[in-house]
Amino acid sequence: MGPVSAAPTDDTTLSERWLTVPDLVDLLGVSPGRIHRLFEQKTLLAARVDGVLRVPVEFLDGTEPLPELRGTLIVLGDNGFTDDEAVRWMLSVDDAMGTSPIAALRAGRKAEVRRIAQSLL
């Protein structure tokens, strides 16, 4: 298990905006089943917020999942993080990076984010 609480992500302030599965269906123009396959493939990751599966808008690049996200999500899953824990880590400021992992990914710092993710046990 990761270094974060196993409780569902309930701090809605971690993301600028949370998208539900129906929001993603509209935004990406795909079926609900395709959205769930994106979750299964770790192309996108959802957390339970107020009991509802939601994806932080920061995980998207326009109308597509952020391409750099998948490898990091796989590393976190391999290290025992639940989906809720992985989402919380991605959105929380990491002292070593000086920013949140998702902000670092979006800034092109993929290798650094994955190196730190691999060190988390």
C-alpha atoms as a PDB file:
ATOM      1  CA  MET A   1       0.000   0.000   0.000  1.00  0.00           C
ATOM      2  CA  GLY A   2       1.175   3.531  -0.767  1.00  0.00           C
ATOM      3  CA  PRO A   3       2.010   6.205   1.763  1.00  0.00           C
ATOM      4  CA  VAL A   4      -1.433   7.794   1.618  1.00  0.00           C
ATOM      5  CA  SER A   5      -4.680   7.031   3.382  1.00  0.00           C
ATOM      6  CA  ALA A   6      -6.732   4.196   1.947  1.00  0.00           C
ATOM      7  CA  ALA A   7      -9.878   6.307   2.394  1.00  0.00           C
ATOM      8  CA  PRO A   8     -11.606   7.494  -0.766  1.00  0.00           C
ATOM      9  CA  THR A   9     -10.412  10.797  -2.138  1.00  0.00           C
ATOM     10  CA  ASP A  10     -12.780  13.296  -0.582  1.00  0.00           C
ATOM     11  CA  ASP A  11     -10.770  16.487  -0.883  1.00  0.00           C
ATOM     12  CA  THR A  12     -12.388  18.041  -3.929  1.00  0.00           C
ATOM     13  CA  THR A  13      -9.893  20.922  -3.740  1.00  0.00           C
ATOM     14  CA  LEU A  14      -7.115  18.634  -5.032  1.00  0.00           C
ATOM     15  CA  SER A  15      -8.362  19.136  -8.593  1.00  0.00           C
ATOM     16  CA  GLU A  16      -9.510  22.208 -10.430  1.00  0.00           C
ATOM     17  CA  ARG A  17     -12.448  20.179 -11.754  1.00  0.00           C
ATOM     18  CA  TRP A  18     -13.640  16.574 -11.399  1.00  0.00           C
ATOM     19  CA  LEU A  19     -15.259  14.772 -14.335  1.00  0.00           C
ATOM     20  CA  THR A  20     -17.779  11.956 -13.926  1.00  0.00           C
ATOM     21  CA  VAL A  21     -18.111   9.059 -16.367  1.00  0.00           C
ATOM     22  CA  PRO A  22     -21.043  10.813 -18.144  1.00  0.00           C
ATOM     23  CA  ASP A  23     -18.892  13.987 -18.377  1.00  0.00           C
ATOM     24  CA  LEU A  24     -16.099  11.913 -19.955  1.00  0.00           C
ATOM     25  CA  VAL A  25     -18.516  10.242 -22.378  1.00  0.00           C
ATOM     26  CA  ASP A  26     -19.570  13.697 -23.596  1.00  0.00           C
ATOM     27  CA  LEU A  27     -16.072  15.171 -23.655  1.00  0.00           C
ATOM     28  CA  LEU A  28     -14.268  12.240 -25.298  1.00  0.00           C
ATOM     29  CA  GLY A  29     -17.164  11.164 -27.504  1.00  0.00           C
ATOM     30  CA  VAL A  30     -16.949   7.493 -26.498  1.00  0.00           C
ATOM     31  CA  SER A  31     -19.209   4.986 -24.740  1.00  0.00           C
ATOM     32  CA  PRO A  32     -19.291   4.440 -20.959  1.00  0.00           C
ATOM     33  CA  GLY A  33     -17.802   0.999 -21.616  1.00  0.00           C
ATOM     34  CA  ARG A  34     -14.832   2.596 -23.383  1.00  0.00           C
ATOM     35  CA  ILE A  35     -14.298   4.936 -20.409  1.00  0.00           C
ATOM     36  CA  HIS A  36     -14.202   1.934 -18.066  1.00  0.00           C
ATOM     37  CA  ARG A  37     -11.706   0.195 -20.393  1.00  0.00           C
ATOM     38  CA  LEU A  38      -9.504   3.302 -20.171  1.00  0.00           C
ATOM     39  CA  PHE A  39      -9.620   2.870 -16.373  1.00  0.00           C
ATOM     40  CA  GLU A  40      -8.787  -0.850 -16.634  1.00  0.00           C
ATOM     41  CA  GLN A  41      -5.867  -0.126 -18.988  1.00  0.00           C
ATOM     42  CA  LYS A  42      -4.581   2.616 -16.621  1.00  0.00           C
ATOM     43  CA  THR A  43      -4.854   5.120 -19.460  1.00  0.00           C
ATOM     44  CA  LEU A  44      -7.068   7.145 -17.133  1.00  0.00           C
ATOM     45  CA  LEU A  45      -7.641   6.826 -13.418  1.00  0.00           C
ATOM     46  CA  ALA A  46     -10.697   7.644 -11.354  1.00  0.00           C
ATOM     47  CA  ALA A  47     -11.166   8.104  -7.641  1.00  0.00           C
ATOM     48  CA  ARG A  48     -14.334   8.001  -5.612  1.00  0.00           C
ATOM     49  CA  VAL A  49     -15.294  11.552  -4.712  1.00  0.00           C
ATOM     50  CA  ASP A  50     -18.495  11.875  -2.708  1.00  0.00           C
ATOM     51  CA  GLY A  51     -19.196   8.234  -3.622  1.00  0.00           C
ATOM     52  CA  VAL A  52     -18.992   8.860  -7.377  1.00  0.00           C
ATOM     53  CA  LEU A  53     -16.163   7.822  -9.722  1.00  0.00           C
ATOM     54  CA  ARG A  54     -14.484  10.986 -10.933  1.00  0.00           C
ATOM     55  CA  VAL A  55     -11.394  11.869 -12.942  1.00  0.00           C
ATOM     56  CA  PRO A  56      -9.415  15.060 -12.325  1.00  0.00           C
ATOM     57  CA  VAL A  57      -9.484  17.300 -15.396  1.00  0.00           C
ATOM     58  CA  GLU A  58      -5.677  17.550 -15.104  1.00  0.00           C
ATOM     59  CA  PHE A  59      -5.478  13.923 -16.329  1.00  0.00           C
ATOM     60  CA  LEU A  60      -6.714  15.034 -19.750  1.00  0.00           C
ATOM     61  CA  ASP A  61      -4.966  16.799 -22.601  1.00  0.00           C
ATOM     62  CA  GLY A  62      -7.901  18.505 -24.263  1.00  0.00           C
ATOM     63  CA  THR A  63     -10.217  15.686 -25.279  1.00  0.00           C
ATOM     64  CA  GLU A  64      -7.705  12.852 -24.815  1.00  0.00           C
ATOM     65  CA  PRO A  65      -6.118  11.187 -21.776  1.00  0.00           C
ATOM     66  CA  LEU A  66      -2.695  12.712 -21.042  1.00  0.00           C
ATOM     67  CA  PRO A  67      -0.316  10.292 -22.855  1.00  0.00           C
ATOM     68  CA  GLU A  68       2.393  10.465 -20.156  1.00  0.00           C
ATOM     69  CA  LEU A  69      -0.048   9.399 -17.448  1.00  0.00           C
ATOM     70  CA  ARG A  70      -0.336   5.663 -18.170  1.00  0.00           C
ATOM     71  CA  GLY A  71       3.221   4.594 -17.346  1.00  0.00           C
ATOM     72  CA  THR A  72       3.176   6.458 -14.044  1.00  0.00           C
ATOM     73  CA  LEU A  73      -0.199   4.947 -13.097  1.00  0.00           C
ATOM     74  CA  ILE A  74       1.140   1.471 -13.835  1.00  0.00           C
ATOM     75  CA  VAL A  75       4.191   2.097 -11.613  1.00  0.00           C
ATOM     76  CA  LEU A  76       1.944   3.302  -8.767  1.00  0.00           C
ATOM     77  CA  GLY A  77      -0.333   0.266  -9.151  1.00  0.00           C
ATOM     78  CA  ASP A  78       2.691  -2.047  -9.156  1.00  0.00           C
ATOM     79  CA  ASN A  79       3.770  -0.407  -5.881  1.00  0.00           C
ATOM     80  CA  GLY A  80       0.444  -1.285  -4.274  1.00  0.00           C
ATOM     81  CA  PHE A  81      -1.366   2.017  -4.586  1.00  0.00           C
ATOM     82  CA  THR A  82      -5.147   1.837  -4.843  1.00  0.00           C
ATOM     83  CA  ASP A  83      -6.730   4.023  -7.508  1.00  0.00           C
ATOM     84  CA  ASP A  84      -7.816   6.541  -4.848  1.00  0.00           C
ATOM     85  CA  GLU A  85      -4.292   6.655  -3.396  1.00  0.00           C
ATOM     86  CA  ALA A  86      -2.718   7.069  -6.825  1.00  0.00           C
ATOM     87  CA  VAL A  87      -5.058   9.938  -7.720  1.00  0.00           C
ATOM     88  CA  ARG A  88      -4.356  11.653  -4.393  1.00  0.00           C
ATOM     89  CA  TRP A  89      -0.561  11.278  -4.891  1.00  0.00           C
ATOM     90  CA  MET A  90      -0.725  12.562  -8.467  1.00  0.00           C
ATOM     91  CA  LEU A  91      -2.567  15.696  -7.330  1.00  0.00           C
ATOM     92  CA  SER A  92      -0.696  16.440  -4.090  1.00  0.00           C
ATOM     93  CA  VAL A  93       2.481  18.524  -3.970  1.00  0.00           C
ATOM     94  CA  ASP A  94       5.536  16.297  -3.657  1.00  0.00           C
ATOM     95  CA  ASP A  95       8.400  17.920  -1.737  1.00  0.00           C
ATOM     96  CA  ALA A  96      11.086  16.314  -3.925  1.00  0.00           C
ATOM     97  CA  MET A  97       9.506  17.743  -7.105  1.00  0.00           C
ATOM     98  CA  GLY A  98       8.326  21.023  -5.638  1.00  0.00           C
ATOM     99  CA  THR A  99       4.985  20.562  -7.373  1.00  0.00           C
ATOM    100  CA  SER A 100       2.356  17.894  -7.870  1.00  0.00           C
ATOM    101  CA  PRO A 101       3.334  14.852  -9.946  1.00  0.00           C
ATOM    102  CA  ILE A 102       0.602  15.633 -12.490  1.00  0.00           C
ATOM    103  CA  ALA A 103       1.926  19.196 -12.906  1.00  0.00           C
ATOM    104  CA  ALA A 104       5.444  17.795 -13.333  1.00  0.00           C
ATOM    105  CA  LEU A 105       4.191  15.309 -15.966  1.00  0.00           C
ATOM    106  CA  ARG A 106       2.425  18.093 -17.826  1.00  0.00           C
ATOM    107  CA  ALA A 107       5.704  20.092 -17.729  1.00  0.00           C
ATOM    108  CA  GLY A 108       7.602  17.262 -19.456  1.00  0.00           C
ATOM    109  CA  ARG A 109       9.257  15.800 -16.340  1.00  0.00           C
ATOM    110  CA  LYS A 110       8.065  12.231 -16.958  1.00  0.00           C
ATOM    111  CA  ALA A 111      11.344  10.494 -16.030  1.00  0.00           C
ATOM    112  CA  GLU A 112      11.568  12.331 -12.701  1.00  0.00           C
ATOM    113  CA  VAL A 113       7.934  11.567 -11.808  1.00  0.00           C
ATOM    114  CA  ARG A 114       8.347   7.866 -12.610  1.00  0.00           C
ATOM    115  CA  ARG A 115      11.644   7.644 -10.707  1.00  0.00           C
ATOM    116  CA  ILE A 116       9.986   9.073  -7.600  1.00  0.00           C
ATOM    117  CA  ALA A 117       6.891   6.889  -8.087  1.00  0.00           C
ATOM    118  CA  GLN A 118       9.133   3.791  -8.272  1.00  0.00           C
ATOM    119  CA  SER A 119      10.757   4.729  -4.963  1.00  0.00           C
ATOM    120  CA  LEU A 120       7.414   4.819  -3.132  1.00  0.00           C
ATOM    121  CA  LEU A 121       6.626   1.638  -1.215  1.00  0.00           C
END
